[in-house]
Amino acid sequence: MKMVKFIDAHVHLGSIPYNKVEWGSFAEYQSISKKLDIERYCVVPIGLPENFVDNSTPNNKMVLQELKRDDSIIPIYWFNVFDLPKSIDKRYKAVKFHPDIGEVSINDKRVVDFVGKMGLPLFAHTNESKDYSNLGLISELARKVSVPVIAVHSGSVTRTFFRLDNYRFPDNVYFETSGIQYAIILKKIYNMFGAERIVFGSDYPFGDPRVSLAMIDTLNLSNKEHELVMRNNISGILNIK
């Protein structure tokens, strides 16, 4: 298989603080990415515990600050329906929504309206075990907007495998590879939609690009399919080279 420079579609800037230990660092990710031929990475700020407790927005400014030092970063804006901006910096290439902040449904009108106003691709955190963040809601949301919608974690949990057949996904829905519990879930997504609808993401520091690469390897992709998953799909979604 020929070497392709990869794009990681899902990286967090920052570390996870827990019991006086900082888990992960962006410097560590940069080191890993160089070893794996990850040329660029879509970056959002880290979501800290307090953001999920007080429904506050993670620090988006830190991503643009880091961009000045690392031009491999593709900035993604994390929005929060309790603190919606009137506009965002034009350097952001997409927006991200995490429904666990406030337990807000993925297809909430505030989400739909903001995505429509921004006109940028949407990354949306999904978890099939939660009524407000399952893939059925991704399907409904995608029908209400005219931009690509990336299902971060692709539903994540085991029941996703059994529920995928229950949903009808429009063509603007894509499936991201991080945080998927079992390889069989990704294999089913591939069998249903093909490599054209899958994007490589790691969710670092919660996940690791080496784990996502191993998951993708179970699909036994052709060279062309591998290029789609590892770079071409997300570069087309974000309109970048």
C-alpha atoms as a PDB file:
ATOM      1  CA  MET A   1       0.000   0.000   0.000  1.00  0.00           C
ATOM      2  CA  LYS A   2       1.498   3.319  -1.011  1.00  0.00           C
ATOM      3  CA  MET A   3       2.085   5.916   1.670  1.00  0.00           C
ATOM      4  CA  VAL A   4      -0.473   8.689   1.981  1.00  0.00           C
ATOM      5  CA  LYS A   5      -0.149  11.708   4.240  1.00  0.00           C
ATOM      6  CA  PHE A   6      -3.065  11.415   6.658  1.00  0.00           C
ATOM      7  CA  ILE A   7      -5.496  13.928   8.158  1.00  0.00           C
ATOM      8  CA  ASP A   8      -6.779  13.218  11.659  1.00  0.00           C
ATOM      9  CA  ALA A   9     -10.330  14.581  11.769  1.00  0.00           C
ATOM     10  CA  HIS A  10     -10.707  14.645  15.547  1.00  0.00           C
ATOM     11  CA  VAL A  11      -8.081  15.946  17.981  1.00  0.00           C
ATOM     12  CA  HIS A  12      -8.440  17.894  21.236  1.00  0.00           C
ATOM     13  CA  LEU A  13      -5.985  20.573  22.260  1.00  0.00           C
ATOM     14  CA  GLY A  14      -5.122  20.111  25.903  1.00  0.00           C
ATOM     15  CA  SER A  15      -4.855  17.385  28.497  1.00  0.00           C
ATOM     16  CA  ILE A  16      -7.305  15.631  30.813  1.00  0.00           C
ATOM     17  CA  PRO A  17      -6.818  16.679  34.445  1.00  0.00           C
ATOM     18  CA  TYR A  18      -7.596  13.920  36.930  1.00  0.00           C
ATOM     19  CA  ASN A  19      -6.308  13.283  40.461  1.00  0.00           C
ATOM     20  CA  LYS A  20      -3.515  15.836  40.077  1.00  0.00           C
ATOM     21  CA  VAL A  21      -2.296  14.186  36.876  1.00  0.00           C
ATOM     22  CA  GLU A  22      -2.479  15.708  33.396  1.00  0.00           C
ATOM     23  CA  TRP A  23      -3.311  12.893  30.988  1.00  0.00           C
ATOM     24  CA  GLY A  24      -1.946  13.476  27.498  1.00  0.00           C
ATOM     25  CA  SER A  25      -0.528  16.614  25.919  1.00  0.00           C
ATOM     26  CA  PHE A  26      -0.604  18.237  22.512  1.00  0.00           C
ATOM     27  CA  ALA A  27       3.174  17.884  22.335  1.00  0.00           C
ATOM     28  CA  GLU A  28       2.757  14.146  22.750  1.00  0.00           C
ATOM     29  CA  TYR A  29       0.164  14.089  19.973  1.00  0.00           C
ATOM     30  CA  GLN A  30       2.456  16.045  17.645  1.00  0.00           C
ATOM     31  CA  SER A  31       5.205  13.515  18.279  1.00  0.00           C
ATOM     32  CA  ILE A  32       2.888  10.579  17.576  1.00  0.00           C
ATOM     33  CA  SER A  33       1.493  12.209  14.449  1.00  0.00           C
ATOM     34  CA  LYS A  34       4.944  12.621  12.897  1.00  0.00           C
ATOM     35  CA  LYS A  35       5.691   8.930  13.360  1.00  0.00           C
ATOM     36  CA  LEU A  36       2.377   7.966  11.715  1.00  0.00           C
ATOM     37  CA  ASP A  37       2.531  10.294   8.680  1.00  0.00           C
ATOM     38  CA  ILE A  38      -0.363  12.375   9.996  1.00  0.00           C
ATOM     39  CA  GLU A  39       0.249  15.601   8.130  1.00  0.00           C
ATOM     40  CA  ARG A  40      -2.672  17.687   9.403  1.00  0.00           C
ATOM     41  CA  TYR A  41      -5.217  17.477  12.201  1.00  0.00           C
ATOM     42  CA  CYS A  42      -8.646  18.953  12.913  1.00  0.00           C
ATOM     43  CA  VAL A  43      -8.402  20.477  16.370  1.00  0.00           C
ATOM     44  CA  VAL A  44     -10.994  21.543  18.942  1.00  0.00           C
ATOM     45  CA  PRO A  45     -10.311  22.625  22.527  1.00  0.00           C
ATOM     46  CA  ILE A  46     -10.426  20.057  25.297  1.00  0.00           C
ATOM     47  CA  GLY A  47     -13.776  19.782  27.044  1.00  0.00           C
ATOM     48  CA  LEU A  48     -13.052  20.099  30.758  1.00  0.00           C
ATOM     49  CA  PRO A  49     -15.263  18.646  33.515  1.00  0.00           C
ATOM     50  CA  GLU A  50     -16.500  22.103  34.496  1.00  0.00           C
ATOM     51  CA  ASN A  51     -17.810  22.712  30.963  1.00  0.00           C
ATOM     52  CA  PHE A  52     -20.170  19.774  31.378  1.00  0.00           C
ATOM     53  CA  VAL A  53     -21.182  20.795  34.903  1.00  0.00           C
ATOM     54  CA  ASP A  54     -21.976  24.476  34.291  1.00  0.00           C
ATOM     55  CA  ASN A  55     -22.892  24.241  30.567  1.00  0.00           C
ATOM     56  CA  SER A  56     -19.999  26.512  29.595  1.00  0.00           C
ATOM     57  CA  THR A  57     -18.076  26.619  26.317  1.00  0.00           C
ATOM     58  CA  PRO A  58     -14.546  25.169  26.062  1.00  0.00           C
ATOM     59  CA  ASN A  59     -11.797  27.643  25.262  1.00  0.00           C
ATOM     60  CA  ASN A  60     -11.895  27.972  21.460  1.00  0.00           C
ATOM     61  CA  LYS A  61      -9.328  30.786  21.471  1.00  0.00           C
ATOM     62  CA  MET A  62      -6.575  28.390  22.519  1.00  0.00           C
ATOM     63  CA  VAL A  63      -6.886  26.602  19.154  1.00  0.00           C
ATOM     64  CA  LEU A  64      -6.272  29.779  17.161  1.00  0.00           C
ATOM     65  CA  GLN A  65      -3.378  30.655  19.454  1.00  0.00           C
ATOM     66  CA  GLU A  66      -1.799  27.246  18.829  1.00  0.00           C
ATOM     67  CA  LEU A  67      -2.392  27.655  15.080  1.00  0.00           C
ATOM     68  CA  LYS A  68       0.202  30.461  15.116  1.00  0.00           C
ATOM     69  CA  ARG A  69       2.791  27.883  16.213  1.00  0.00           C
ATOM     70  CA  ASP A  70       1.586  24.880  14.208  1.00  0.00           C
ATOM     71  CA  ASP A  71       0.152  25.390  10.746  1.00  0.00           C
ATOM     72  CA  SER A  72      -0.783  21.694  10.518  1.00  0.00           C
ATOM     73  CA  ILE A  73      -3.813  22.534  12.662  1.00  0.00           C
ATOM     74  CA  ILE A  74      -7.235  22.754  11.024  1.00  0.00           C
ATOM     75  CA  PRO A  75      -9.289  24.800  13.523  1.00  0.00           C
ATOM     76  CA  ILE A  76     -12.760  23.555  14.486  1.00  0.00           C
ATOM     77  CA  TYR A  77     -15.112  25.717  16.597  1.00  0.00           C
ATOM     78  CA  TRP A  78     -16.867  24.049  19.555  1.00  0.00           C
ATOM     79  CA  PHE A  79     -20.268  25.694  19.970  1.00  0.00           C
ATOM     80  CA  ASN A  80     -22.625  25.549  22.899  1.00  0.00           C
ATOM     81  CA  VAL A  81     -26.353  26.333  22.550  1.00  0.00           C
ATOM     82  CA  PHE A  82     -26.294  28.109  25.932  1.00  0.00           C
ATOM     83  CA  ASP A  83     -23.631  30.541  24.713  1.00  0.00           C
ATOM     84  CA  LEU A  84     -24.037  30.988  20.968  1.00  0.00           C
ATOM     85  CA  PRO A  85     -21.804  33.585  19.267  1.00  0.00           C
ATOM     86  CA  LYS A  86     -23.139  35.938  16.623  1.00  0.00           C
ATOM     87  CA  SER A  87     -20.192  35.058  14.399  1.00  0.00           C
ATOM     88  CA  ILE A  88     -16.963  33.070  14.507  1.00  0.00           C
ATOM     89  CA  ASP A  89     -13.455  33.622  13.145  1.00  0.00           C
ATOM     90  CA  LYS A  90     -13.168  32.777   9.452  1.00  0.00           C
ATOM     91  CA  ARG A  91     -10.209  30.521  10.136  1.00  0.00           C
ATOM     92  CA  TYR A  92     -12.513  27.865  11.560  1.00  0.00           C
ATOM     93  CA  LYS A  93     -13.268  25.202   8.937  1.00  0.00           C
ATOM     94  CA  ALA A  94     -16.156  23.481  10.749  1.00  0.00           C
ATOM     95  CA  VAL A  95     -18.167  23.525  13.962  1.00  0.00           C
ATOM     96  CA  LYS A  96     -18.544  20.898  16.669  1.00  0.00           C
ATOM     97  CA  PHE A  97     -21.480  20.149  18.946  1.00  0.00           C
ATOM     98  CA  HIS A  98     -21.348  17.961  22.064  1.00  0.00           C
ATOM     99  CA  PRO A  99     -24.869  17.201  23.321  1.00  0.00           C
ATOM    100  CA  ASP A 100     -23.644  16.114  26.774  1.00  0.00           C
ATOM    101  CA  ILE A 101     -23.298  19.802  27.672  1.00  0.00           C
ATOM    102  CA  GLY A 102     -26.801  20.341  28.962  1.00  0.00           C
ATOM    103  CA  GLU A 103     -28.049  17.023  27.529  1.00  0.00           C
ATOM    104  CA  VAL A 104     -29.353  18.831  24.452  1.00  0.00           C
ATOM    105  CA  SER A 105     -30.720  16.788  21.557  1.00  0.00           C
ATOM    106  CA  ILE A 106     -28.532  16.701  18.461  1.00  0.00           C
ATOM    107  CA  ASN A 107     -31.441  17.893  16.311  1.00  0.00           C
ATOM    108  CA  ASP A 108     -32.480  20.673  18.703  1.00  0.00           C
ATOM    109  CA  LYS A 109     -33.712  23.740  16.793  1.00  0.00           C
ATOM    110  CA  ARG A 110     -30.880  25.850  18.229  1.00  0.00           C
ATOM    111  CA  VAL A 111     -28.362  23.417  16.748  1.00  0.00           C
ATOM    112  CA  VAL A 112     -30.094  23.344  13.371  1.00  0.00           C
ATOM    113  CA  ASP A 113     -30.378  27.142  13.238  1.00  0.00           C
ATOM    114  CA  PHE A 114     -26.749  27.759  14.229  1.00  0.00           C
ATOM    115  CA  VAL A 115     -25.390  25.243  11.748  1.00  0.00           C
ATOM    116  CA  GLY A 116     -27.549  26.790   9.044  1.00  0.00           C
ATOM    117  CA  LYS A 117     -26.328  30.273   9.956  1.00  0.00           C
ATOM    118  CA  MET A 118     -22.642  29.293   9.939  1.00  0.00           C
ATOM    119  CA  GLY A 119     -22.866  27.196   6.772  1.00  0.00           C
ATOM    120  CA  LEU A 120     -19.942  25.037   7.909  1.00  0.00           C
ATOM    121  CA  PRO A 121     -19.642  21.248   8.218  1.00  0.00           C
ATOM    122  CA  LEU A 122     -20.770  19.872  11.572  1.00  0.00           C
ATOM    123  CA  PHE A 123     -18.987  17.419  13.844  1.00  0.00           C
ATOM    124  CA  ALA A 124     -21.533  16.013  16.313  1.00  0.00           C
ATOM    125  CA  HIS A 125     -20.690  13.730  19.238  1.00  0.00           C
ATOM    126  CA  THR A 126     -22.841  10.585  19.186  1.00  0.00           C
ATOM    127  CA  ASN A 127     -23.622   7.821  21.653  1.00  0.00           C
ATOM    128  CA  GLU A 128     -26.268   5.269  20.772  1.00  0.00           C
ATOM    129  CA  SER A 129     -26.982   4.607  24.461  1.00  0.00           C
ATOM    130  CA  LYS A 130     -28.315   8.143  25.011  1.00  0.00           C
ATOM    131  CA  ASP A 131     -31.690   9.363  23.778  1.00  0.00           C
ATOM    132  CA  TYR A 132     -30.359  12.822  22.908  1.00  0.00           C
ATOM    133  CA  SER A 133     -27.248  11.752  20.952  1.00  0.00           C
ATOM    134  CA  ASN A 134     -28.108   8.637  18.970  1.00  0.00           C
ATOM    135  CA  LEU A 135     -27.592   8.159  15.245  1.00  0.00           C
ATOM    136  CA  GLY A 136     -31.293   8.462  14.537  1.00  0.00           C
ATOM    137  CA  LEU A 137     -31.070  12.102  15.593  1.00  0.00           C
ATOM    138  CA  ILE A 138     -28.004  12.564  13.383  1.00  0.00           C
ATOM    139  CA  SER A 139     -30.088  11.318  10.477  1.00  0.00           C
ATOM    140  CA  GLU A 140     -32.886  13.760  11.308  1.00  0.00           C
ATOM    141  CA  LEU A 141     -30.482  16.686  11.735  1.00  0.00           C
ATOM    142  CA  ALA A 142     -28.708  15.968   8.462  1.00  0.00           C
ATOM    143  CA  ARG A 143     -32.015  16.269   6.604  1.00  0.00           C
ATOM    144  CA  LYS A 144     -32.525  19.753   8.048  1.00  0.00           C
ATOM    145  CA  VAL A 145     -29.150  21.218   7.047  1.00  0.00           C
ATOM    146  CA  SER A 146     -27.290  21.578   3.763  1.00  0.00           C
ATOM    147  CA  VAL A 147     -23.776  20.828   5.054  1.00  0.00           C
ATOM    148  CA  PRO A 148     -21.863  17.605   5.739  1.00  0.00           C
ATOM    149  CA  VAL A 149     -22.569  16.086   9.158  1.00  0.00           C
ATOM    150  CA  ILE A 150     -19.852  13.934  10.745  1.00  0.00           C
ATOM    151  CA  ALA A 151     -21.082  11.477  13.381  1.00  0.00           C
ATOM    152  CA  VAL A 152     -18.218  11.573  15.870  1.00  0.00           C
ATOM    153  CA  HIS A 153     -17.684   8.079  17.369  1.00  0.00           C
ATOM    154  CA  SER A 154     -20.299   6.651  14.978  1.00  0.00           C
ATOM    155  CA  GLY A 155     -22.630   5.797  17.851  1.00  0.00           C
ATOM    156  CA  SER A 156     -19.796   4.273  19.864  1.00  0.00           C
ATOM    157  CA  VAL A 157     -21.478   1.436  21.789  1.00  0.00           C
ATOM    158  CA  THR A 158     -22.427  -2.163  20.979  1.00  0.00           C
ATOM    159  CA  ARG A 159     -26.105  -1.489  20.306  1.00  0.00           C
ATOM    160  CA  THR A 160     -25.054   0.674  17.356  1.00  0.00           C
ATOM    161  CA  PHE A 161     -24.398  -2.530  15.404  1.00  0.00           C
ATOM    162  CA  PHE A 162     -27.992  -3.655  15.833  1.00  0.00           C
ATOM    163  CA  ARG A 163     -29.631  -0.259  15.312  1.00  0.00           C
ATOM    164  CA  LEU A 164     -27.881   0.907  12.156  1.00  0.00           C
ATOM    165  CA  ASP A 165     -30.466  -0.864   9.999  1.00  0.00           C
ATOM    166  CA  ASN A 166     -33.263   1.101  11.665  1.00  0.00           C
ATOM    167  CA  TYR A 167     -32.072   4.450  10.351  1.00  0.00           C
ATOM    168  CA  ARG A 168     -32.084   6.026   6.910  1.00  0.00           C
ATOM    169  CA  PHE A 169     -29.056   8.265   6.575  1.00  0.00           C
ATOM    170  CA  PRO A 170     -28.965  10.964   3.896  1.00  0.00           C
ATOM    171  CA  ASP A 171     -25.846  11.262   1.760  1.00  0.00           C
ATOM    172  CA  ASN A 172     -24.405  14.152   3.815  1.00  0.00           C
ATOM    173  CA  VAL A 173     -23.776  11.920   6.867  1.00  0.00           C
ATOM    174  CA  TYR A 174     -20.239  10.646   7.486  1.00  0.00           C
ATOM    175  CA  PHE A 175     -18.927   8.313  10.176  1.00  0.00           C
ATOM    176  CA  GLU A 176     -15.800   9.040  12.244  1.00  0.00           C
ATOM    177  CA  THR A 177     -13.623   6.229  13.593  1.00  0.00           C
ATOM    178  CA  SER A 178     -12.657   7.170  17.162  1.00  0.00           C
ATOM    179  CA  GLY A 179     -14.283   5.737  20.263  1.00  0.00           C
ATOM    180  CA  ILE A 180     -16.028   2.863  18.482  1.00  0.00           C
ATOM    181  CA  GLN A 181     -16.357   0.030  20.984  1.00  0.00           C
ATOM    182  CA  TYR A 182     -15.888  -2.913  18.618  1.00  0.00           C
ATOM    183  CA  ALA A 183     -14.464  -3.431  15.131  1.00  0.00           C
ATOM    184  CA  ILE A 184     -17.663  -5.119  13.989  1.00  0.00           C
ATOM    185  CA  ILE A 185     -19.478  -1.771  14.236  1.00  0.00           C
ATOM    186  CA  LEU A 186     -17.044  -0.095  11.844  1.00  0.00           C
ATOM    187  CA  LYS A 187     -17.163  -3.136   9.559  1.00  0.00           C
ATOM    188  CA  LYS A 188     -20.939  -2.855   9.348  1.00  0.00           C
ATOM    189  CA  ILE A 189     -20.726   0.867   8.572  1.00  0.00           C
ATOM    190  CA  TYR A 190     -18.251   0.054   5.806  1.00  0.00           C
ATOM    191  CA  ASN A 191     -20.506  -2.675   4.407  1.00  0.00           C
ATOM    192  CA  MET A 192     -23.527  -0.341   4.433  1.00  0.00           C
ATOM    193  CA  PHE A 193     -21.933   2.875   3.166  1.00  0.00           C
ATOM    194  CA  GLY A 194     -18.477   2.118   1.803  1.00  0.00           C
ATOM    195  CA  ALA A 195     -15.194   3.902   2.404  1.00  0.00           C
ATOM    196  CA  GLU A 196     -16.660   7.079   0.875  1.00  0.00           C
ATOM    197  CA  ARG A 197     -18.532   7.833   4.104  1.00  0.00           C
ATOM    198  CA  ILE A 198     -15.843   7.059   6.713  1.00  0.00           C
ATOM    199  CA  VAL A 199     -13.280   9.525   8.096  1.00  0.00           C
ATOM    200  CA  PHE A 200     -10.253   8.774  10.232  1.00  0.00           C
ATOM    201  CA  GLY A 201     -10.258  10.427  13.654  1.00  0.00           C
ATOM    202  CA  SER A 202      -8.479   9.660  16.929  1.00  0.00           C
ATOM    203  CA  ASP A 203     -10.155  11.799  19.636  1.00  0.00           C
ATOM    204  CA  TYR A 204      -6.760  12.350  21.245  1.00  0.00           C
ATOM    205  CA  PRO A 205      -6.104  12.519  24.235  1.00  0.00           C
ATOM    206  CA  PHE A 206      -9.175  10.416  25.046  1.00  0.00           C
ATOM    207  CA  GLY A 207      -8.276   8.105  22.167  1.00  0.00           C
ATOM    208  CA  ASP A 208      -5.095   7.463  20.234  1.00  0.00           C
ATOM    209  CA  PRO A 209      -4.478   7.550  16.471  1.00  0.00           C
ATOM    210  CA  ARG A 210      -2.720   4.185  16.689  1.00  0.00           C
ATOM    211  CA  VAL A 211      -5.924   2.623  18.004  1.00  0.00           C
ATOM    212  CA  SER A 212      -8.029   4.152  15.229  1.00  0.00           C
ATOM    213  CA  LEU A 213      -5.517   3.027  12.603  1.00  0.00           C
ATOM    214  CA  ALA A 214      -5.695  -0.529  13.928  1.00  0.00           C
ATOM    215  CA  MET A 215      -9.501  -0.395  13.754  1.00  0.00           C
ATOM    216  CA  ILE A 216      -9.375   0.843  10.163  1.00  0.00           C
ATOM    217  CA  ASP A 217      -6.907  -1.897   9.301  1.00  0.00           C
ATOM    218  CA  THR A 218      -9.596  -4.515  10.050  1.00  0.00           C
ATOM    219  CA  LEU A 219     -11.520  -3.269   6.985  1.00  0.00           C
ATOM    220  CA  ASN A 220      -8.849  -4.539   4.549  1.00  0.00           C
ATOM    221  CA  LEU A 221      -9.252  -1.470   2.349  1.00  0.00           C
ATOM    222  CA  SER A 222      -7.879  -1.072  -1.131  1.00  0.00           C
ATOM    223  CA  ASN A 223      -5.307   1.679  -1.731  1.00  0.00           C
ATOM    224  CA  LYS A 224      -7.994   3.978  -3.124  1.00  0.00           C
ATOM    225  CA  GLU A 225     -10.374   3.304  -0.230  1.00  0.00           C
ATOM    226  CA  HIS A 226      -7.583   3.864   2.292  1.00  0.00           C
ATOM    227  CA  GLU A 227      -6.842   7.270   0.785  1.00  0.00           C
ATOM    228  CA  LEU A 228     -10.523   8.181   1.048  1.00  0.00           C
ATOM    229  CA  VAL A 229     -10.758   7.271   4.727  1.00  0.00           C
ATOM    230  CA  MET A 230      -7.396   8.657   5.756  1.00  0.00           C
ATOM    231  CA  ARG A 231      -7.432  11.939   3.848  1.00  0.00           C
ATOM    232  CA  ASN A 232      -9.616  12.553   0.819  1.00  0.00           C
ATOM    233  CA  ASN A 233     -13.031  12.363   2.462  1.00  0.00           C
ATOM    234  CA  ILE A 234     -12.281  14.906   5.162  1.00  0.00           C
ATOM    235  CA  SER A 235     -10.306  17.175   2.831  1.00  0.00           C
ATOM    236  CA  GLY A 236     -13.305  17.241   0.512  1.00  0.00           C
ATOM    237  CA  ILE A 237     -15.716  17.901   3.374  1.00  0.00           C
ATOM    238  CA  LEU A 238     -13.627  20.829   4.629  1.00  0.00           C
ATOM    239  CA  ASN A 239     -12.594  22.000   1.160  1.00  0.00           C
ATOM    240  CA  ILE A 240      -8.887  21.884   1.934  1.00  0.00           C
ATOM    241  CA  LYS A 241      -5.911  20.513   0.023  1.00  0.00           C
END
